[in-house]
Amino acid sequence: MKLNRQFEQIHQSPTVAVSDRVLALKAAGQRVLSLHVGDPDFDTPPAIIEAAERAMRSGCTHYAPSRGLPELRRAVAARLADTAGLSDFPYDPQSEIQVTHGGIHAYYLAMQSILNPGGEVLIPDPSWGTHANLVRQLRGVVIDVPALPENGFLPLMSAWQRALTPRTCALVINYPANPTGAVPERDYLEGLLAFAAEHDLWVISDEVYENIYFERRPLSVSAFPQYKEHVMVVNSLSKTYAMTGWRVGYLAAPRALIDNALRASQNSITCVAPFIQQAAAFALSDAGMQAAAADMRAAYARRRELVMDIYRSQDSSLVRANPPQGAFYFFLDMRALRLPSQEICERLLADAGVGLVPGAAFGAQGEGFARMTIAAAEADIDAGFRAILDWAAKMEAA
C-alpha cells in the first residue's frame, strides 16, 4: 500500500508517549507521579459548563458560521485589545478573526495559509514539538534557531539573522514558552517584529499561555499595530480557563490571511460546535471567569514557590531548578548527570515513579533537561520533585 512519506519526518508527541508508558505502569499496579502532562488539574469553572448547557437547550446544536459566531469573534477582539493595552480593537471581528478547533488547529490554519512546499520556517530550539511537526507535515522546512539557556532561552538576534535564507517565509514564537517558561522583554519582542518586517516574514505568535505568568504580564504581538500586516496570533481557551477538552481557539491575522484560513477550515472541520462557542464567548467576557482564571494563576504561583522552597532546602548539585517566568513547567537542568535526557526520564520513571518529558523532545538544545509540570496537585508536585532530587543524590553517591 502507498502511504504519505511526509509522515516519516513527523515525530509522535513525546508527552503522549510518556503518558502511554505511565498508564501502562499504573495498570500494572505501580504508583506513578504524573508530572509530564500539560493539562491543568483544575476542572472547567461550572459557570462555563452551564453556559454551554444553556446554549444546547436553546437549540445551538446545528451548524454555526464557519468563521465563528459573531459574539465570540467580538469577545476575542475585545480580549486582544485588553491584552495589548489598546483602546480600539486591534483586529476586526468581522474579517480578521477565525474561530478554530483549539490552538493546534489555529496554528495549522496559519501555516497552511502561507506555506508553500520547501518554504522555510524559523523555530526556536527548544520549542514545543508540534510547532515543527506541522511545518514538516505541510511540506515545509524547519530551521532551528538556538535558544540557549545562558540567554534565558531566547534566541539572540544574531541567531535569527544567521538562520535567514531567501526561502524563509515565517518565524514562530511562543511566549510564555513551553517548555522553558521564557517571557521576553518589550524591546526584544519589538526588535524581532522589526526584523520580520524588514525581511518580509510572517510572525506566528503562539500565546496560549498568556494568562499564566509570575513576574510580569507577557506582551502580545498585537500590542504593536505598526507590524500588524506581518503578524498572526494563535490562541485558545485551553490553559487559561482549564478547557483543554473543549477544543476551542482562534486565529487573528490580516484579512487576506484569514480568507485563506477560512477556506481551509471550511474544508476540514466546517465549524466549531456552536454551544462550545457560546461557552467560550462567556468565558472571555464574564468578569467572574477572569477572576477564576486569576485564581488558577495564583495557584500555579504557589506551586512554583513550593518547588523553589524544596530546591533551596536540598541544595542539589545535579539538578538545577530555575523558576519559570510563565507557563506551568519547570525545565529542570540535569546536564550534570551527563546522561541523555531520554535515559534520565526512563530511569526516573522506573526507579522513582516520576513521569517527566525528556528535554531532547523539544530540540537539540533541550538535551540534558527534563520538563516537569506544576499543573498537578501540590502533594504530587511536592512528592515528585523530592523523589527527583533523592534519585539524583543516589546517582551522585554511586
Protein backbone atom coordinates (compact mmCIF):
# COMPACT_ATOMS: atom_id res chain seq x y z
CA MET A 1 0.00 0.00 0.00
CA LYS A 2 1.18 3.53 -0.80
CA LEU A 3 1.38 5.94 2.12
CA ASN A 4 2.26 9.61 2.53
CA ARG A 5 6.04 9.54 3.01
CA GLN A 6 5.95 13.03 4.52
CA PHE A 7 4.96 11.42 7.81
CA GLU A 8 8.38 9.78 8.01
CA GLN A 9 9.64 13.23 9.08
CA ILE A 10 6.98 13.73 11.75
CA HIS A 11 7.57 12.57 15.29
CA GLN A 12 4.93 11.28 17.65
CA SER A 13 4.17 13.50 20.62
CA PRO A 14 6.73 12.78 23.37
CA THR A 15 4.20 13.78 26.01
CA VAL A 16 1.71 11.25 24.67
CA ALA A 17 4.43 8.59 24.57
CA VAL A 18 5.26 9.23 28.22
CA SER A 19 1.55 9.23 29.09
CA ASP A 20 1.10 5.85 27.43
CA ARG A 21 4.02 4.44 29.43
CA VAL A 22 2.67 5.94 32.67
CA LEU A 23 -0.79 4.47 32.05
CA ALA A 24 0.73 1.05 31.40
CA LEU A 25 2.68 1.19 34.67
CA LYS A 26 -0.38 2.31 36.60
CA ALA A 27 -2.41 -0.51 35.06
CA ALA A 28 0.27 -2.91 36.30
CA GLY A 29 -0.22 -1.58 39.83
CA GLN A 30 2.78 0.75 40.08
CA ARG A 31 2.35 4.16 41.73
CA VAL A 32 3.44 6.91 39.37
CA LEU A 33 3.52 10.66 39.98
CA SER A 34 2.44 12.20 36.67
CA LEU A 35 4.44 15.39 36.28
CA HIS A 36 4.63 15.28 32.50
CA VAL A 37 1.23 16.34 31.15
CA GLY A 38 0.46 19.96 30.21
CA ASP A 39 -3.20 19.75 31.21
CA PRO A 40 -4.50 21.90 34.09
CA ASP A 41 -5.59 19.78 37.03
CA PHE A 42 -8.47 22.21 37.62
CA ASP A 43 -11.97 21.49 36.38
CA THR A 44 -13.55 23.92 33.93
CA PRO A 45 -15.40 26.56 36.01
CA PRO A 46 -19.03 25.46 36.50
CA ALA A 47 -20.41 28.71 35.04
CA ILE A 48 -18.77 27.93 31.69
CA ILE A 49 -20.31 24.46 31.68
CA GLU A 50 -23.68 25.98 32.49
CA ALA A 51 -23.30 28.44 29.60
CA ALA A 52 -22.73 25.52 27.22
CA GLU A 53 -25.73 23.68 28.65
CA ARG A 54 -27.98 26.73 28.22
CA ALA A 55 -26.82 27.07 24.63
CA MET A 56 -27.56 23.42 23.87
CA ARG A 57 -31.02 23.60 25.42
CA SER A 58 -31.78 26.76 23.45
CA GLY A 59 -31.10 24.95 20.15
CA CYS A 60 -27.44 25.76 19.48
CA THR A 61 -26.79 22.26 18.20
CA HIS A 62 -26.70 22.86 14.43
CA TYR A 63 -24.05 24.21 12.09
CA ALA A 64 -22.50 27.53 13.10
CA PRO A 65 -20.98 30.16 10.79
CA SER A 66 -17.68 28.81 9.52
CA ARG A 67 -15.88 31.98 10.66
CA GLY A 68 -17.26 31.51 14.15
CA LEU A 69 -20.18 33.04 16.00
CA PRO A 70 -20.15 36.85 15.82
CA GLU A 71 -20.39 37.16 19.61
CA LEU A 72 -17.30 35.00 20.08
CA ARG A 73 -15.32 36.93 17.49
CA ARG A 74 -16.26 40.19 19.21
CA ALA A 75 -15.19 38.73 22.57
CA VAL A 76 -11.85 37.68 21.04
CA ALA A 77 -11.30 41.15 19.57
CA ALA A 78 -12.06 42.72 22.94
CA ARG A 79 -9.65 40.34 24.68
CA LEU A 80 -6.88 41.13 22.19
CA ALA A 81 -7.42 44.85 22.79
CA ASP A 82 -7.22 44.32 26.55
CA THR A 83 -4.04 42.24 26.47
CA ALA A 84 -2.45 44.71 24.04
CA GLY A 85 -3.42 47.69 26.19
CA LEU A 86 -5.19 49.31 23.23
CA SER A 87 -8.38 51.36 23.30
CA ASP A 88 -9.56 50.10 19.89
CA PHE A 89 -9.83 46.54 18.63
CA PRO A 90 -6.51 45.58 17.01
CA TYR A 91 -8.38 43.07 14.80
CA ASP A 92 -11.70 43.46 13.00
CA PRO A 93 -14.04 40.77 14.40
CA GLN A 94 -15.82 40.58 11.04
CA SER A 95 -12.85 39.84 8.82
CA GLU A 96 -9.65 39.29 10.83
CA ILE A 97 -10.58 36.58 13.34
CA GLN A 98 -11.18 32.89 12.67
CA VAL A 99 -12.60 30.60 15.36
CA THR A 100 -10.75 27.28 15.43
CA HIS A 101 -10.94 23.80 16.87
CA GLY A 102 -8.33 24.56 19.54
CA GLY A 103 -4.91 26.18 19.44
CA ILE A 104 -3.29 23.47 17.33
CA HIS A 105 -5.94 23.93 14.65
CA ALA A 106 -5.32 27.69 14.71
CA TYR A 107 -1.61 27.09 14.21
CA TYR A 108 -2.31 24.56 11.45
CA LEU A 109 -4.54 27.04 9.59
CA ALA A 110 -1.89 29.74 9.93
CA MET A 111 0.79 27.53 8.42
CA GLN A 112 -1.50 26.08 5.77
CA SER A 113 -2.40 29.61 4.68
CA ILE A 114 1.18 30.75 3.98
CA LEU A 115 3.43 27.76 3.47
CA ASN A 116 4.45 26.52 0.05
CA PRO A 117 6.43 23.27 -0.39
CA GLY A 118 10.05 23.89 0.53
CA GLY A 119 9.32 27.13 2.37
CA GLU A 120 11.47 27.60 5.46
CA VAL A 121 10.18 28.44 8.93
CA LEU A 122 12.47 29.57 11.74
CA ILE A 123 11.61 27.96 15.10
CA PRO A 124 13.44 28.40 18.41
CA ASP A 125 15.20 25.33 19.80
CA PRO A 126 13.96 24.19 22.30
CA SER A 127 10.31 24.55 21.42
CA TRP A 128 7.06 22.57 21.62
CA GLY A 129 7.31 19.72 19.11
CA THR A 130 4.07 20.44 17.26
CA HIS A 131 5.46 23.77 16.04
CA ALA A 132 7.99 21.91 13.91
CA ASN A 133 5.93 18.82 13.13
CA LEU A 134 3.13 20.74 11.43
CA VAL A 135 5.62 22.61 9.24
CA ARG A 136 7.02 19.28 8.08
CA GLN A 137 3.54 17.83 7.63
CA LEU A 138 2.76 20.69 5.25
CA ARG A 139 5.99 20.03 3.31
CA GLY A 140 7.85 22.97 4.73
CA VAL A 141 11.39 23.02 6.09
CA VAL A 142 12.18 23.68 9.75
CA ILE A 143 15.24 25.78 10.57
CA ASP A 144 16.18 25.50 14.24
CA VAL A 145 17.30 28.74 15.91
CA PRO A 146 19.28 28.06 19.11
CA ALA A 147 17.64 29.46 22.25
CA LEU A 148 20.42 28.81 24.73
CA PRO A 149 19.86 28.57 28.50
CA GLU A 150 22.58 31.14 29.17
CA ASN A 151 20.48 33.62 27.14
CA GLY A 152 17.30 32.89 29.06
CA PHE A 153 16.15 30.51 26.31
CA LEU A 154 15.65 33.45 23.93
CA PRO A 155 17.44 33.30 20.56
CA LEU A 156 19.88 36.15 20.08
CA MET A 157 19.04 38.47 17.20
CA SER A 158 22.27 37.36 15.57
CA ALA A 159 20.97 33.76 15.65
CA TRP A 160 17.77 34.78 13.88
CA GLN A 161 19.88 36.62 11.30
CA ARG A 162 22.16 33.63 10.67
CA ALA A 163 19.16 31.33 10.15
CA LEU A 164 17.65 33.55 7.44
CA THR A 165 17.75 32.45 3.78
CA PRO A 166 15.91 33.54 0.61
CA ARG A 167 13.46 30.67 1.23
CA THR A 168 12.47 31.84 4.73
CA CYS A 169 8.80 32.80 4.90
CA ALA A 170 8.00 32.87 8.62
CA LEU A 171 9.21 32.55 12.18
CA VAL A 172 7.40 31.08 15.16
CA ILE A 173 7.43 32.36 18.73
CA ASN A 174 5.67 31.03 21.82
CA TYR A 175 5.70 33.23 24.92
CA PRO A 176 5.31 32.35 27.72
CA ALA A 177 7.23 29.42 26.31
CA ASN A 178 6.63 25.70 26.50
CA PRO A 179 8.84 24.12 27.84
CA THR A 180 11.15 26.83 29.20
CA GLY A 181 8.76 29.39 30.69
CA ALA A 182 10.66 32.23 28.98
CA VAL A 183 8.96 35.65 28.66
CA PRO A 184 10.79 38.32 26.63
CA GLU A 185 11.06 42.00 27.44
CA ARG A 186 9.24 44.54 25.26
CA ASP A 187 12.44 45.63 23.48
CA TYR A 188 13.24 42.07 22.43
CA LEU A 189 9.78 41.47 21.02
CA GLU A 190 9.71 44.78 19.19
CA GLY A 191 13.17 44.14 17.73
CA LEU A 192 12.08 40.72 16.49
CA LEU A 193 8.98 42.18 14.82
CA ALA A 194 11.11 44.85 13.15
CA PHE A 195 13.46 42.11 11.88
CA ALA A 196 10.49 40.19 10.44
CA ALA A 197 9.10 43.29 8.75
CA GLU A 198 12.49 44.17 7.29
CA HIS A 199 12.74 40.74 5.66
CA ASP A 200 9.04 40.43 4.78
CA LEU A 201 8.44 37.47 7.09
CA TRP A 202 5.33 36.31 8.88
CA VAL A 203 5.47 36.04 12.68
CA ILE A 204 3.23 33.31 14.09
CA SER A 205 2.84 34.01 17.80
CA ASP A 206 1.53 31.13 19.92
CA GLU A 207 0.09 32.84 23.00
CA VAL A 208 -1.86 30.01 24.64
CA TYR A 209 -0.08 30.54 27.99
CA GLU A 210 -0.74 34.31 28.05
CA ASN A 211 -2.59 34.20 31.37
CA ILE A 212 -0.05 32.03 33.21
CA TYR A 213 2.73 34.35 34.30
CA PHE A 214 4.51 35.10 37.57
CA GLU A 215 6.65 38.22 37.36
CA ARG A 216 5.35 40.44 34.59
CA ARG A 217 2.39 40.12 32.27
CA PRO A 218 3.51 38.86 28.85
CA LEU A 219 3.16 41.27 25.98
CA SER A 220 1.17 40.13 22.95
CA VAL A 221 2.43 40.86 19.45
CA SER A 222 -0.95 42.57 18.93
CA ALA A 223 0.43 45.39 21.11
CA PHE A 224 2.45 46.55 18.08
CA PRO A 225 -0.16 47.61 15.49
CA GLN A 226 2.57 49.02 13.22
CA TYR A 227 3.59 45.42 12.45
CA LYS A 228 0.08 44.00 12.11
CA GLU A 229 0.49 43.05 8.45
CA HIS A 230 3.28 40.64 9.39
CA VAL A 231 1.69 39.05 12.46
CA MET A 232 -0.63 36.14 13.26
CA VAL A 233 -1.86 35.45 16.80
CA VAL A 234 -2.63 31.85 17.75
CA ASN A 235 -4.52 31.29 20.98
CA SER A 236 -7.01 29.06 22.75
CA LEU A 237 -9.05 28.88 25.94
CA SER A 238 -7.45 25.59 27.00
CA LYS A 239 -4.89 26.75 29.55
CA THR A 240 -6.44 29.98 30.84
CA TYR A 241 -9.85 28.52 31.67
CA ALA A 242 -8.95 24.82 32.11
CA MET A 243 -10.84 23.99 28.89
CA THR A 244 -8.37 21.63 27.20
CA GLY A 245 -11.05 19.11 26.25
CA TRP A 246 -13.38 21.71 24.75
CA ARG A 247 -11.08 22.30 21.75
CA VAL A 248 -11.81 25.93 21.01
CA GLY A 249 -9.36 28.64 19.99
CA TYR A 250 -8.81 31.36 17.46
CA LEU A 251 -6.51 32.83 14.85
CA ALA A 252 -6.19 36.61 14.48
CA ALA A 253 -4.46 37.91 11.37
CA PRO A 254 -4.79 40.30 8.41
CA ARG A 255 -7.85 39.77 6.23
CA ALA A 256 -6.04 38.13 3.30
CA LEU A 257 -4.61 35.50 5.63
CA ILE A 258 -7.96 34.89 7.32
CA ASP A 259 -9.59 34.47 3.88
CA ASN A 260 -7.19 31.57 3.28
CA ALA A 261 -7.71 30.18 6.79
CA LEU A 262 -11.48 30.32 6.34
CA ARG A 263 -11.35 28.21 3.20
CA ALA A 264 -9.01 25.73 4.87
CA SER A 265 -11.30 25.49 7.88
CA GLN A 266 -14.45 25.09 5.80
CA ASN A 267 -12.87 22.15 4.02
CA SER A 268 -11.57 20.46 7.18
CA ILE A 269 -13.87 20.94 10.18
CA THR A 270 -16.77 23.02 8.71
CA CYS A 271 -17.25 24.82 12.03
CA VAL A 272 -16.73 24.63 15.78
CA ALA A 273 -19.75 23.41 17.76
CA PRO A 274 -21.96 26.46 18.45
CA PHE A 275 -22.68 25.60 22.08
CA ILE A 276 -18.93 25.42 22.73
CA GLN A 277 -18.53 28.81 21.06
CA GLN A 278 -21.26 30.28 23.26
CA ALA A 279 -19.45 28.97 26.35
CA ALA A 280 -16.16 30.37 25.03
CA ALA A 281 -17.71 33.82 24.48
CA PHE A 282 -19.00 33.73 28.05
CA ALA A 283 -15.58 32.68 29.39
CA LEU A 284 -13.78 35.53 27.59
CA SER A 285 -16.25 38.26 28.54
CA ASP A 286 -17.54 37.42 32.03
CA ALA A 287 -15.78 39.19 34.93
CA GLY A 288 -16.24 36.19 37.19
CA MET A 289 -14.37 33.97 34.75
CA GLN A 290 -11.44 36.38 34.69
CA ALA A 291 -11.36 36.13 38.48
CA ALA A 292 -11.42 32.32 38.22
CA ALA A 293 -8.52 32.44 35.76
CA ALA A 294 -6.59 34.70 38.14
CA ASP A 295 -7.21 32.23 40.98
CA MET A 296 -5.73 29.42 38.89
CA ARG A 297 -2.71 31.58 38.09
CA ALA A 298 -2.25 32.26 41.80
CA ALA A 299 -2.34 28.52 42.49
CA TYR A 300 0.37 27.92 39.88
CA ALA A 301 2.43 30.66 41.55
CA ARG A 302 2.14 28.88 44.91
CA ARG A 303 3.25 25.62 43.32
CA ARG A 304 6.16 27.36 41.63
CA GLU A 305 7.27 28.68 45.02
CA LEU A 306 6.80 25.22 46.58
CA VAL A 307 9.27 23.77 44.07
CA MET A 308 11.75 26.55 44.71
CA ASP A 309 11.46 26.12 48.50
CA ILE A 310 12.24 22.42 48.17
CA TYR A 311 15.07 23.14 45.76
CA ARG A 312 16.68 25.71 48.05
CA SER A 313 16.44 23.34 51.01
CA GLN A 314 18.03 20.40 49.19
CA ASP A 315 20.98 22.17 47.52
CA SER A 316 21.32 19.58 44.74
CA SER A 317 24.48 19.58 42.67
CA LEU A 318 22.95 17.51 39.85
CA VAL A 319 19.56 19.16 39.39
CA ARG A 320 19.09 22.88 38.80
CA ALA A 321 15.62 24.40 39.01
CA ASN A 322 15.28 27.89 37.58
CA PRO A 323 11.86 29.45 38.25
CA PRO A 324 9.82 29.88 35.03
CA GLN A 325 8.58 33.36 34.19
CA GLY A 326 5.41 31.94 32.70
CA ALA A 327 3.53 28.78 31.63
CA PHE A 328 3.31 25.93 34.13
CA TYR A 329 6.53 23.98 33.62
CA PHE A 330 9.96 23.75 35.17
CA PHE A 331 12.65 22.92 32.62
CA LEU A 332 14.95 21.10 35.02
CA ASP A 333 18.64 21.35 34.16
CA MET A 334 20.10 17.85 34.68
CA ARG A 335 23.12 18.18 32.41
CA ALA A 336 25.45 17.48 35.33
CA LEU A 337 24.28 13.84 35.23
CA ARG A 338 25.94 13.51 31.81
CA LEU A 339 23.18 11.24 30.57
CA PRO A 340 20.82 11.60 27.60
CA SER A 341 17.55 13.18 28.69
CA GLN A 342 15.60 10.18 27.39
CA GLU A 343 17.60 7.88 29.66
CA ILE A 344 17.20 10.24 32.61
CA CYS A 345 13.42 10.20 32.25
CA GLU A 346 13.23 6.46 31.68
CA ARG A 347 15.28 5.79 34.82
CA LEU A 348 13.30 8.30 36.89
CA LEU A 349 10.08 6.60 35.84
CA ALA A 350 11.42 3.11 36.60
CA ASP A 351 13.38 3.91 39.78
CA ALA A 352 11.44 6.79 41.36
CA GLY A 353 7.99 6.50 39.81
CA VAL A 354 8.00 10.05 38.40
CA GLY A 355 6.88 10.88 34.87
CA LEU A 356 8.75 13.71 33.11
CA VAL A 357 9.24 14.66 29.44
CA PRO A 358 12.81 14.44 28.05
CA GLY A 359 14.25 17.81 27.13
CA ALA A 360 15.55 16.44 23.82
CA ALA A 361 11.93 16.05 22.73
CA PHE A 362 11.86 19.84 22.37
CA GLY A 363 15.02 20.12 20.30
CA ALA A 364 18.76 19.53 20.40
CA GLN A 365 19.27 22.42 22.83
CA GLY A 366 16.96 20.68 25.30
CA GLU A 367 19.31 17.74 25.72
CA GLY A 368 20.16 17.22 29.38
CA PHE A 369 16.95 18.89 30.56
CA ALA A 370 13.59 17.45 31.59
CA ARG A 371 10.20 19.16 31.65
CA MET A 372 8.20 18.94 34.88
CA THR A 373 4.67 20.31 35.08
CA ILE A 374 3.16 22.20 38.00
CA ALA A 375 -0.31 21.67 36.54
CA ALA A 376 -0.77 18.90 39.09
CA ALA A 377 -1.85 18.53 42.70
CA GLU A 378 0.51 20.19 45.19
CA ALA A 379 1.00 16.90 47.03
CA ASP A 380 2.13 15.20 43.81
CA ILE A 381 4.46 18.08 42.95
CA ASP A 382 5.96 18.00 46.44
CA ALA A 383 6.45 14.23 46.48
CA GLY A 384 7.55 14.07 42.85
CA PHE A 385 10.17 16.80 43.00
CA ARG A 386 11.59 15.41 46.25
CA ALA A 387 11.78 11.99 44.58
CA ILE A 388 13.69 13.52 41.64
CA LEU A 389 16.22 15.15 43.96
CA ASP A 390 16.59 11.97 46.03
CA TRP A 391 17.17 9.92 42.89
CA ALA A 392 19.81 12.38 41.70
CA ALA A 393 21.52 12.25 45.10
CA LYS A 394 21.73 8.46 44.88
CA MET A 395 23.19 8.79 41.40
CA GLU A 396 25.85 11.13 42.76
CA ALA A 397 26.65 8.76 45.65
CA ALA A 398 27.01 5.84 43.27
